[in-house]
């Protein structure tokens, strides 16, 4: 029995990683609209303008937003560290990005979703259960989003 203890610990940790459930995100976007993840499959991307990988992936985020249809909801969260609403708004306008963006000025959203770095991609089901998380926009994430496109 003693030799099985590490296996049980591994299973407990593995189960906990995939059983994460978050409360709904309710926030105001940069343009003043209220946005919520409640009851919707939601793709969250946490980013910053000083993050090179984040900037490289922004066209993929826009593409995901444009293709989402009713299959999932996209919310962009700027982590707010060393940034201003004005600089973020100017950046988004300059590149004509349309996805809804929340400015996390106090870091509360970043903490709520246990984000430790950028970029961070999180896919949640309609109950707030974490379906997928990655540091980069991966082929696996792209595949999951493609399967969700057009679903109601």
N, C-alpha and C. Protein backbone atom coordinates (compact mmCIF):
# COMPACT_ATOMS: atom_id res chain seq x y z
N UNK A 1 0.82 -1.20 0.00
CA UNK A 1 0.00 0.00 0.00
C UNK A 1 0.86 1.26 0.00
N UNK A 2 1.98 1.19 0.72
CA UNK A 2 2.86 2.34 0.80
C UNK A 2 3.37 2.75 -0.59
N UNK A 3 3.60 1.77 -1.46
CA UNK A 3 4.12 2.07 -2.80
C UNK A 3 3.06 2.70 -3.70
N UNK A 4 1.80 2.62 -3.33
CA UNK A 4 0.73 3.22 -4.13
C UNK A 4 0.49 4.69 -3.77
N UNK A 5 1.04 5.14 -2.67
CA UNK A 5 0.81 6.53 -2.22
C UNK A 5 1.19 7.55 -3.29
N UNK A 6 2.38 7.44 -3.93
CA UNK A 6 2.71 8.43 -4.97
C UNK A 6 1.70 8.44 -6.12
N UNK A 7 1.16 7.27 -6.46
CA UNK A 7 0.17 7.20 -7.53
C UNK A 7 -1.10 7.95 -7.14
N UNK A 8 -1.56 7.79 -5.90
CA UNK A 8 -2.76 8.49 -5.45
C UNK A 8 -2.54 10.00 -5.41
N UNK A 9 -1.35 10.42 -5.01
CA UNK A 9 -1.04 11.85 -4.99
C UNK A 9 -1.05 12.40 -6.41
N UNK A 10 -0.44 11.67 -7.34
CA UNK A 10 -0.43 12.08 -8.74
C UNK A 10 -1.84 12.19 -9.29
N UNK A 11 -2.69 11.22 -9.00
CA UNK A 11 -4.07 11.25 -9.47
C UNK A 11 -4.84 12.42 -8.87
N UNK A 12 -4.62 12.69 -7.60
CA UNK A 12 -5.31 13.80 -6.94
C UNK A 12 -4.91 15.13 -7.57
N UNK A 13 -3.63 15.32 -7.82
CA UNK A 13 -3.15 16.56 -8.44
C UNK A 13 -3.68 16.67 -9.86
N UNK A 14 -3.62 15.59 -10.62
CA UNK A 14 -4.10 15.58 -12.01
C UNK A 14 -5.59 15.90 -12.07
N UNK A 15 -6.37 15.30 -11.19
CA UNK A 15 -7.81 15.54 -11.15
C UNK A 15 -8.10 17.00 -10.82
N UNK A 16 -7.38 17.56 -9.86
CA UNK A 16 -7.60 18.94 -9.45
C UNK A 16 -7.31 19.91 -10.59
N UNK A 17 -6.29 19.65 -11.37
CA UNK A 17 -5.95 20.53 -12.48
C UNK A 17 -7.11 20.66 -13.45
N UNK A 18 -7.78 19.57 -13.73
CA UNK A 18 -8.84 19.57 -14.73
C UNK A 18 -10.23 19.78 -14.16
N UNK A 19 -10.33 19.92 -12.84
CA UNK A 19 -11.64 20.10 -12.23
C UNK A 19 -11.86 21.55 -11.81
N UNK A 20 -11.04 22.47 -12.30
CA UNK A 20 -11.14 23.86 -11.90
C UNK A 20 -12.41 24.49 -12.46
N UNK A 21 -13.16 25.10 -11.57
CA UNK A 21 -14.38 25.82 -11.95
C UNK A 21 -14.24 27.26 -11.47
N UNK A 22 -14.59 28.20 -12.33
CA UNK A 22 -14.47 29.62 -12.01
C UNK A 22 -15.84 30.27 -11.97
N UNK A 23 -16.00 31.30 -11.13
CA UNK A 23 -17.24 32.06 -11.16
C UNK A 23 -17.31 32.84 -12.47
N UNK A 24 -18.50 33.20 -12.89
CA UNK A 24 -18.63 33.94 -14.15
C UNK A 24 -17.86 35.26 -14.12
N UNK A 25 -17.27 35.59 -15.24
CA UNK A 25 -16.61 36.88 -15.39
C UNK A 25 -17.67 37.91 -15.74
N UNK A 26 -17.72 38.98 -15.00
CA UNK A 26 -18.62 40.10 -15.28
C UNK A 26 -17.76 41.35 -15.22
N UNK A 27 -17.62 42.04 -16.35
CA UNK A 27 -16.73 43.20 -16.40
C UNK A 27 -17.19 44.16 -17.48
N UNK A 28 -16.59 45.33 -17.48
CA UNK A 28 -16.86 46.33 -18.52
C UNK A 28 -15.70 46.33 -19.51
N UNK A 29 -16.05 46.38 -20.79
CA UNK A 29 -15.03 46.45 -21.83
C UNK A 29 -14.49 47.88 -21.92
N UNK A 30 -13.45 48.04 -22.70
CA UNK A 30 -12.86 49.37 -22.89
C UNK A 30 -13.85 50.37 -23.47
N UNK A 31 -14.84 49.88 -24.23
CA UNK A 31 -15.83 50.79 -24.81
C UNK A 31 -17.08 50.91 -23.94
N UNK A 32 -17.00 50.44 -22.69
CA UNK A 32 -18.08 50.65 -21.73
C UNK A 32 -19.20 49.63 -21.74
N UNK A 33 -19.09 48.60 -22.55
CA UNK A 33 -20.12 47.56 -22.60
C UNK A 33 -19.90 46.56 -21.46
N UNK A 34 -20.99 46.08 -20.87
CA UNK A 34 -20.89 45.03 -19.86
C UNK A 34 -20.80 43.70 -20.57
N UNK A 35 -19.87 42.88 -20.13
CA UNK A 35 -19.65 41.57 -20.76
C UNK A 35 -19.64 40.51 -19.66
N UNK A 36 -20.20 39.34 -19.98
CA UNK A 36 -20.28 38.26 -19.00
C UNK A 36 -20.00 36.92 -19.66
N UNK A 37 -19.39 36.04 -18.91
CA UNK A 37 -19.15 34.68 -19.39
C UNK A 37 -20.23 33.71 -18.90
N UNK A 38 -21.15 34.20 -18.09
CA UNK A 38 -22.15 33.34 -17.48
C UNK A 38 -23.00 32.63 -18.52
N UNK A 39 -23.08 31.30 -18.39
CA UNK A 39 -23.93 30.49 -19.25
C UNK A 39 -23.44 30.35 -20.68
N UNK A 40 -22.19 30.73 -20.95
CA UNK A 40 -21.66 30.67 -22.31
C UNK A 40 -20.30 29.98 -22.33
N UNK A 41 -20.06 29.21 -23.37
CA UNK A 41 -18.71 28.70 -23.58
C UNK A 41 -17.87 29.93 -23.90
N UNK A 42 -16.76 30.09 -23.19
CA UNK A 42 -15.98 31.33 -23.29
C UNK A 42 -14.50 31.04 -23.50
N UNK A 43 -13.93 31.76 -24.44
CA UNK A 43 -12.49 31.72 -24.70
C UNK A 43 -11.90 33.03 -24.17
N UNK A 44 -11.06 32.92 -23.15
CA UNK A 44 -10.40 34.07 -22.56
C UNK A 44 -8.94 34.11 -23.01
N UNK A 45 -8.49 35.28 -23.40
CA UNK A 45 -7.05 35.45 -23.67
C UNK A 45 -6.54 36.59 -22.82
N UNK A 46 -5.53 36.30 -22.00
CA UNK A 46 -4.87 37.29 -21.17
C UNK A 46 -3.59 37.72 -21.89
N UNK A 47 -3.36 39.04 -21.96
CA UNK A 47 -2.25 39.55 -22.75
C UNK A 47 -1.79 40.91 -22.27
N UNK A 48 -0.67 41.36 -22.85
CA UNK A 48 -0.13 42.70 -22.60
C UNK A 48 0.59 43.15 -23.87
N UNK A 49 0.66 44.45 -24.09
CA UNK A 49 1.31 44.94 -25.31
C UNK A 49 2.82 44.77 -25.27
N UNK A 50 3.41 44.65 -24.10
CA UNK A 50 4.86 44.45 -23.99
C UNK A 50 5.25 42.98 -24.13
N UNK A 51 4.28 42.11 -24.31
CA UNK A 51 4.52 40.66 -24.45
C UNK A 51 4.62 40.33 -25.94
N UNK A 52 5.81 39.95 -26.39
CA UNK A 52 6.04 39.68 -27.82
C UNK A 52 5.16 38.55 -28.34
N UNK A 53 5.02 37.46 -27.57
CA UNK A 53 4.17 36.35 -28.02
C UNK A 53 2.71 36.80 -28.11
N UNK A 54 2.29 37.62 -27.16
CA UNK A 54 0.91 38.12 -27.19
C UNK A 54 0.64 38.88 -28.49
N UNK A 55 1.56 39.76 -28.83
CA UNK A 55 1.39 40.58 -30.03
C UNK A 55 1.38 39.71 -31.29
N UNK A 56 2.23 38.71 -31.31
CA UNK A 56 2.29 37.79 -32.45
C UNK A 56 0.97 37.04 -32.63
N UNK A 57 0.30 36.74 -31.52
CA UNK A 57 -0.94 35.95 -31.57
C UNK A 57 -2.21 36.78 -31.76
N UNK A 58 -2.13 38.09 -31.69
CA UNK A 58 -3.35 38.91 -31.76
C UNK A 58 -4.17 38.68 -33.03
N UNK A 59 -3.56 38.52 -34.20
CA UNK A 59 -4.37 38.22 -35.39
C UNK A 59 -5.15 36.90 -35.24
N UNK A 60 -4.58 35.93 -34.53
CA UNK A 60 -5.30 34.67 -34.29
C UNK A 60 -6.49 34.88 -33.37
N UNK A 61 -6.34 35.77 -32.40
CA UNK A 61 -7.46 36.10 -31.52
C UNK A 61 -8.58 36.77 -32.32
N UNK A 62 -8.22 37.70 -33.18
CA UNK A 62 -9.22 38.37 -34.02
C UNK A 62 -9.92 37.36 -34.93
N UNK A 63 -9.15 36.46 -35.51
CA UNK A 63 -9.73 35.42 -36.37
C UNK A 63 -10.69 34.54 -35.57
N UNK A 64 -10.31 34.16 -34.37
CA UNK A 64 -11.18 33.35 -33.52
C UNK A 64 -12.47 34.09 -33.21
N UNK A 65 -12.35 35.39 -32.92
CA UNK A 65 -13.52 36.20 -32.63
C UNK A 65 -14.45 36.28 -33.85
N UNK A 66 -13.89 36.50 -35.02
CA UNK A 66 -14.69 36.62 -36.23
C UNK A 66 -15.37 35.31 -36.61
N UNK A 67 -14.77 34.18 -36.26
CA UNK A 67 -15.31 32.87 -36.64
C UNK A 67 -16.16 32.23 -35.55
N UNK A 68 -16.24 32.84 -34.39
CA UNK A 68 -16.92 32.22 -33.26
C UNK A 68 -18.40 31.96 -33.52
N UNK A 69 -19.06 32.84 -34.26
CA UNK A 69 -20.51 32.74 -34.47
C UNK A 69 -21.18 32.60 -33.11
N UNK A 70 -22.08 31.66 -32.96
CA UNK A 70 -22.74 31.49 -31.67
C UNK A 70 -22.11 30.34 -30.88
N UNK A 71 -21.01 29.79 -31.37
CA UNK A 71 -20.41 28.62 -30.73
C UNK A 71 -19.69 28.90 -29.43
N UNK A 72 -19.11 30.07 -29.32
CA UNK A 72 -18.41 30.44 -28.10
C UNK A 72 -18.26 31.96 -28.06
N UNK A 73 -17.92 32.44 -26.90
CA UNK A 73 -17.79 33.86 -26.62
C UNK A 73 -16.31 34.17 -26.44
N UNK A 74 -15.80 35.24 -27.01
CA UNK A 74 -14.40 35.62 -26.88
C UNK A 74 -14.29 36.85 -25.98
N UNK A 75 -13.40 36.77 -24.99
CA UNK A 75 -13.11 37.93 -24.14
C UNK A 75 -11.60 38.08 -24.04
N UNK A 76 -11.13 39.22 -24.45
CA UNK A 76 -9.72 39.57 -24.35
C UNK A 76 -9.52 40.33 -23.04
N UNK A 77 -8.52 39.91 -22.26
CA UNK A 77 -8.26 40.57 -20.98
C UNK A 77 -6.82 41.10 -20.99
N UNK A 78 -6.69 42.42 -21.03
CA UNK A 78 -5.37 43.01 -20.90
C UNK A 78 -5.06 43.05 -19.41
N UNK A 79 -3.90 42.53 -19.02
CA UNK A 79 -3.60 42.37 -17.59
C UNK A 79 -3.35 43.69 -16.87
N UNK A 80 -3.21 44.78 -17.61
CA UNK A 80 -3.14 46.09 -16.98
C UNK A 80 -1.81 46.46 -16.35
N UNK A 81 -0.84 45.57 -16.35
CA UNK A 81 0.44 45.84 -15.71
C UNK A 81 1.29 46.74 -16.61
N UNK A 82 1.67 47.92 -16.09
CA UNK A 82 2.46 48.90 -16.85
C UNK A 82 1.78 49.32 -18.15
N UNK A 83 0.46 49.45 -18.11
CA UNK A 83 -0.30 49.83 -19.29
C UNK A 83 -1.37 50.84 -18.88
N UNK A 84 -1.97 51.48 -19.85
CA UNK A 84 -3.08 52.39 -19.58
C UNK A 84 -4.22 52.06 -20.54
N UNK A 85 -5.42 52.45 -20.14
CA UNK A 85 -6.58 52.23 -21.01
C UNK A 85 -6.37 52.91 -22.36
N UNK A 86 -5.82 54.10 -22.32
CA UNK A 86 -5.61 54.86 -23.56
C UNK A 86 -4.65 54.12 -24.49
N UNK A 87 -3.54 53.63 -23.96
CA UNK A 87 -2.57 52.94 -24.83
C UNK A 87 -3.15 51.65 -25.40
N UNK A 88 -3.95 50.95 -24.62
CA UNK A 88 -4.58 49.71 -25.10
C UNK A 88 -5.61 50.03 -26.18
N UNK A 89 -6.44 51.03 -25.92
CA UNK A 89 -7.45 51.43 -26.91
C UNK A 89 -6.79 51.86 -28.22
N UNK A 90 -5.73 52.64 -28.13
CA UNK A 90 -5.01 53.07 -29.34
C UNK A 90 -4.44 51.88 -30.09
N UNK A 91 -3.86 50.94 -29.37
CA UNK A 91 -3.29 49.74 -30.01
C UNK A 91 -4.38 48.96 -30.75
N UNK A 92 -5.51 48.73 -30.09
CA UNK A 92 -6.60 47.96 -30.71
C UNK A 92 -7.15 48.67 -31.94
N UNK A 93 -7.32 49.98 -31.86
CA UNK A 93 -7.82 50.75 -33.01
C UNK A 93 -6.83 50.73 -34.16
N UNK A 94 -5.56 50.88 -33.85
CA UNK A 94 -4.51 50.90 -34.88
C UNK A 94 -4.53 49.62 -35.72
N UNK A 95 -4.84 48.50 -35.07
CA UNK A 95 -4.84 47.21 -35.76
C UNK A 95 -6.25 46.75 -36.15
N UNK A 96 -7.24 47.59 -35.88
CA UNK A 96 -8.64 47.31 -36.21
C UNK A 96 -9.15 46.01 -35.60
N UNK A 97 -8.73 45.73 -34.37
CA UNK A 97 -9.23 44.54 -33.67
C UNK A 97 -10.62 44.83 -33.11
N UNK A 98 -11.53 43.89 -33.32
CA UNK A 98 -12.93 44.07 -32.94
C UNK A 98 -13.33 43.32 -31.68
N UNK A 99 -12.52 42.38 -31.24
CA UNK A 99 -12.90 41.55 -30.09
C UNK A 99 -13.06 42.41 -28.83
N UNK A 100 -14.00 42.03 -27.96
CA UNK A 100 -14.21 42.78 -26.73
C UNK A 100 -13.00 42.64 -25.80
N UNK A 101 -12.58 43.77 -25.25
CA UNK A 101 -11.39 43.77 -24.40
C UNK A 101 -11.69 44.42 -23.06
N UNK A 102 -11.28 43.73 -22.02
CA UNK A 102 -11.40 44.21 -20.65
C UNK A 102 -10.01 44.64 -20.17
N UNK A 103 -9.95 45.76 -19.49
CA UNK A 103 -8.69 46.25 -18.92
C UNK A 103 -8.68 45.89 -17.44
N UNK A 104 -7.82 44.98 -17.05
CA UNK A 104 -7.76 44.49 -15.66
C UNK A 104 -6.81 45.36 -14.84
N UNK A 105 -7.22 46.57 -14.56
CA UNK A 105 -6.34 47.56 -13.93
C UNK A 105 -5.87 47.16 -12.54
N UNK A 106 -6.69 46.44 -11.80
CA UNK A 106 -6.29 46.06 -10.44
C UNK A 106 -5.83 44.61 -10.33
N UNK A 107 -5.80 43.89 -11.44
CA UNK A 107 -5.33 42.51 -11.43
C UNK A 107 -6.31 41.49 -10.87
N UNK A 108 -7.53 41.92 -10.57
CA UNK A 108 -8.49 41.00 -9.94
C UNK A 108 -8.92 39.87 -10.87
N UNK A 109 -9.08 40.15 -12.14
CA UNK A 109 -9.49 39.10 -13.09
C UNK A 109 -8.33 38.13 -13.31
N UNK A 110 -7.14 38.69 -13.43
CA UNK A 110 -5.94 37.86 -13.60
C UNK A 110 -5.78 36.91 -12.42
N UNK A 111 -6.01 37.40 -11.21
CA UNK A 111 -5.94 36.54 -10.01
C UNK A 111 -7.09 35.53 -9.99
N UNK A 112 -8.29 35.98 -10.35
CA UNK A 112 -9.46 35.09 -10.33
C UNK A 112 -9.22 33.85 -11.18
N UNK A 113 -8.55 34.02 -12.31
CA UNK A 113 -8.30 32.90 -13.22
C UNK A 113 -6.89 32.32 -13.08
N UNK A 114 -6.22 32.67 -12.00
CA UNK A 114 -4.90 32.10 -11.67
C UNK A 114 -3.91 32.21 -12.83
N UNK A 115 -3.89 33.37 -13.46
CA UNK A 115 -2.97 33.62 -14.57
C UNK A 115 -1.64 34.11 -14.00
N UNK A 116 -0.57 33.40 -14.34
CA UNK A 116 0.75 33.73 -13.81
C UNK A 116 1.65 34.40 -14.84
N UNK A 117 1.24 34.42 -16.09
CA UNK A 117 2.05 35.03 -17.13
C UNK A 117 1.24 35.21 -18.40
N UNK A 118 1.83 35.92 -19.35
CA UNK A 118 1.14 36.14 -20.62
C UNK A 118 1.99 35.62 -21.75
N UNK A 119 1.37 35.22 -22.85
CA UNK A 119 -0.08 35.08 -23.01
C UNK A 119 -0.60 33.89 -22.21
N UNK A 120 -1.89 33.89 -21.99
CA UNK A 120 -2.58 32.77 -21.35
C UNK A 120 -3.93 32.62 -22.04
N UNK A 121 -4.22 31.40 -22.47
CA UNK A 121 -5.47 31.08 -23.15
C UNK A 121 -6.26 30.12 -22.28
N UNK A 122 -7.51 30.45 -22.00
CA UNK A 122 -8.36 29.60 -21.17
C UNK A 122 -9.69 29.42 -21.89
N UNK A 123 -10.12 28.17 -22.00
CA UNK A 123 -11.41 27.84 -22.59
C UNK A 123 -12.29 27.28 -21.49
N UNK A 124 -13.45 27.90 -21.28
CA UNK A 124 -14.38 27.51 -20.23
C UNK A 124 -15.68 27.01 -20.84
N UNK A 125 -16.29 26.01 -20.20
CA UNK A 125 -17.62 25.60 -20.65
C UNK A 125 -18.65 26.56 -20.08
N UNK A 126 -19.92 26.35 -20.37
CA UNK A 126 -20.97 27.29 -19.97
C UNK A 126 -21.20 27.32 -18.46
N UNK A 127 -20.63 26.37 -17.73
CA UNK A 127 -20.74 26.35 -16.27
C UNK A 127 -19.49 26.90 -15.59
N UNK A 128 -18.52 27.35 -16.38
CA UNK A 128 -17.29 27.91 -15.82
C UNK A 128 -16.20 26.89 -15.56
N UNK A 129 -16.41 25.65 -16.02
CA UNK A 129 -15.38 24.63 -15.86
C UNK A 129 -14.29 24.83 -16.90
N UNK A 130 -13.05 24.74 -16.46
CA UNK A 130 -11.92 24.91 -17.38
C UNK A 130 -11.81 23.69 -18.28
N UNK A 131 -11.93 23.92 -19.59
CA UNK A 131 -11.80 22.85 -20.58
C UNK A 131 -10.39 22.75 -21.11
N UNK A 132 -9.71 23.90 -21.17
CA UNK A 132 -8.37 23.92 -21.76
C UNK A 132 -7.64 25.17 -21.30
N UNK A 133 -6.33 25.04 -21.12
CA UNK A 133 -5.48 26.18 -20.76
C UNK A 133 -4.12 25.97 -21.40
N UNK A 134 -3.58 27.04 -21.96
CA UNK A 134 -2.23 26.97 -22.52
C UNK A 134 -1.59 28.35 -22.51
N UNK A 135 -0.27 28.34 -22.54
CA UNK A 135 0.47 29.60 -22.57
C UNK A 135 0.49 30.20 -23.97
N UNK A 136 0.41 29.36 -24.98
CA UNK A 136 0.44 29.83 -26.36
C UNK A 136 -0.79 29.35 -27.11
N UNK A 137 -1.08 29.98 -28.23
CA UNK A 137 -2.18 29.54 -29.08
C UNK A 137 -1.72 28.28 -29.82
N UNK A 138 -2.19 27.13 -29.36
CA UNK A 138 -1.72 25.84 -29.87
C UNK A 138 -2.66 25.28 -30.93
N UNK A 139 -2.18 24.27 -31.64
CA UNK A 139 -3.04 23.56 -32.60
C UNK A 139 -4.22 22.93 -31.89
N UNK A 140 -4.00 22.45 -30.67
CA UNK A 140 -5.09 21.83 -29.90
C UNK A 140 -6.17 22.86 -29.59
N UNK A 141 -5.78 24.06 -29.19
CA UNK A 141 -6.76 25.11 -28.93
C UNK A 141 -7.51 25.47 -30.22
N UNK A 142 -6.79 25.61 -31.31
CA UNK A 142 -7.42 25.93 -32.60
C UNK A 142 -8.44 24.86 -32.97
N UNK A 143 -8.11 23.60 -32.74
CA UNK A 143 -9.01 22.50 -33.04
C UNK A 143 -10.27 22.57 -32.18
N UNK A 144 -10.09 22.84 -30.89
CA UNK A 144 -11.25 22.94 -29.99
C UNK A 144 -12.17 24.09 -30.40
N UNK A 145 -11.58 25.23 -30.76
CA UNK A 145 -12.39 26.38 -31.17
C UNK A 145 -13.11 26.10 -32.48
N UNK A 146 -12.45 25.43 -33.41
CA UNK A 146 -13.08 25.07 -34.69
C UNK A 146 -14.29 24.19 -34.46
N UNK A 147 -14.18 23.24 -33.54
CA UNK A 147 -15.31 22.35 -33.24
C UNK A 147 -16.48 23.11 -32.64
N UNK A 148 -16.18 24.19 -31.92
CA UNK A 148 -17.24 24.98 -31.28
C UNK A 148 -17.92 25.97 -32.22
N UNK A 149 -17.28 26.33 -33.31
CA UNK A 149 -17.82 27.35 -34.22
C UNK A 149 -19.21 26.96 -34.72
N UNK A 150 -20.12 27.88 -34.57
CA UNK A 150 -21.47 27.65 -35.08
C UNK A 150 -22.37 26.83 -34.18
N UNK A 151 -21.81 26.28 -33.08
CA UNK A 151 -22.66 25.53 -32.14
C UNK A 151 -23.49 26.50 -31.34
N UNK A 152 -24.67 26.10 -31.02
CA UNK A 152 -25.53 26.94 -30.18
C UNK A 152 -25.85 26.25 -28.90
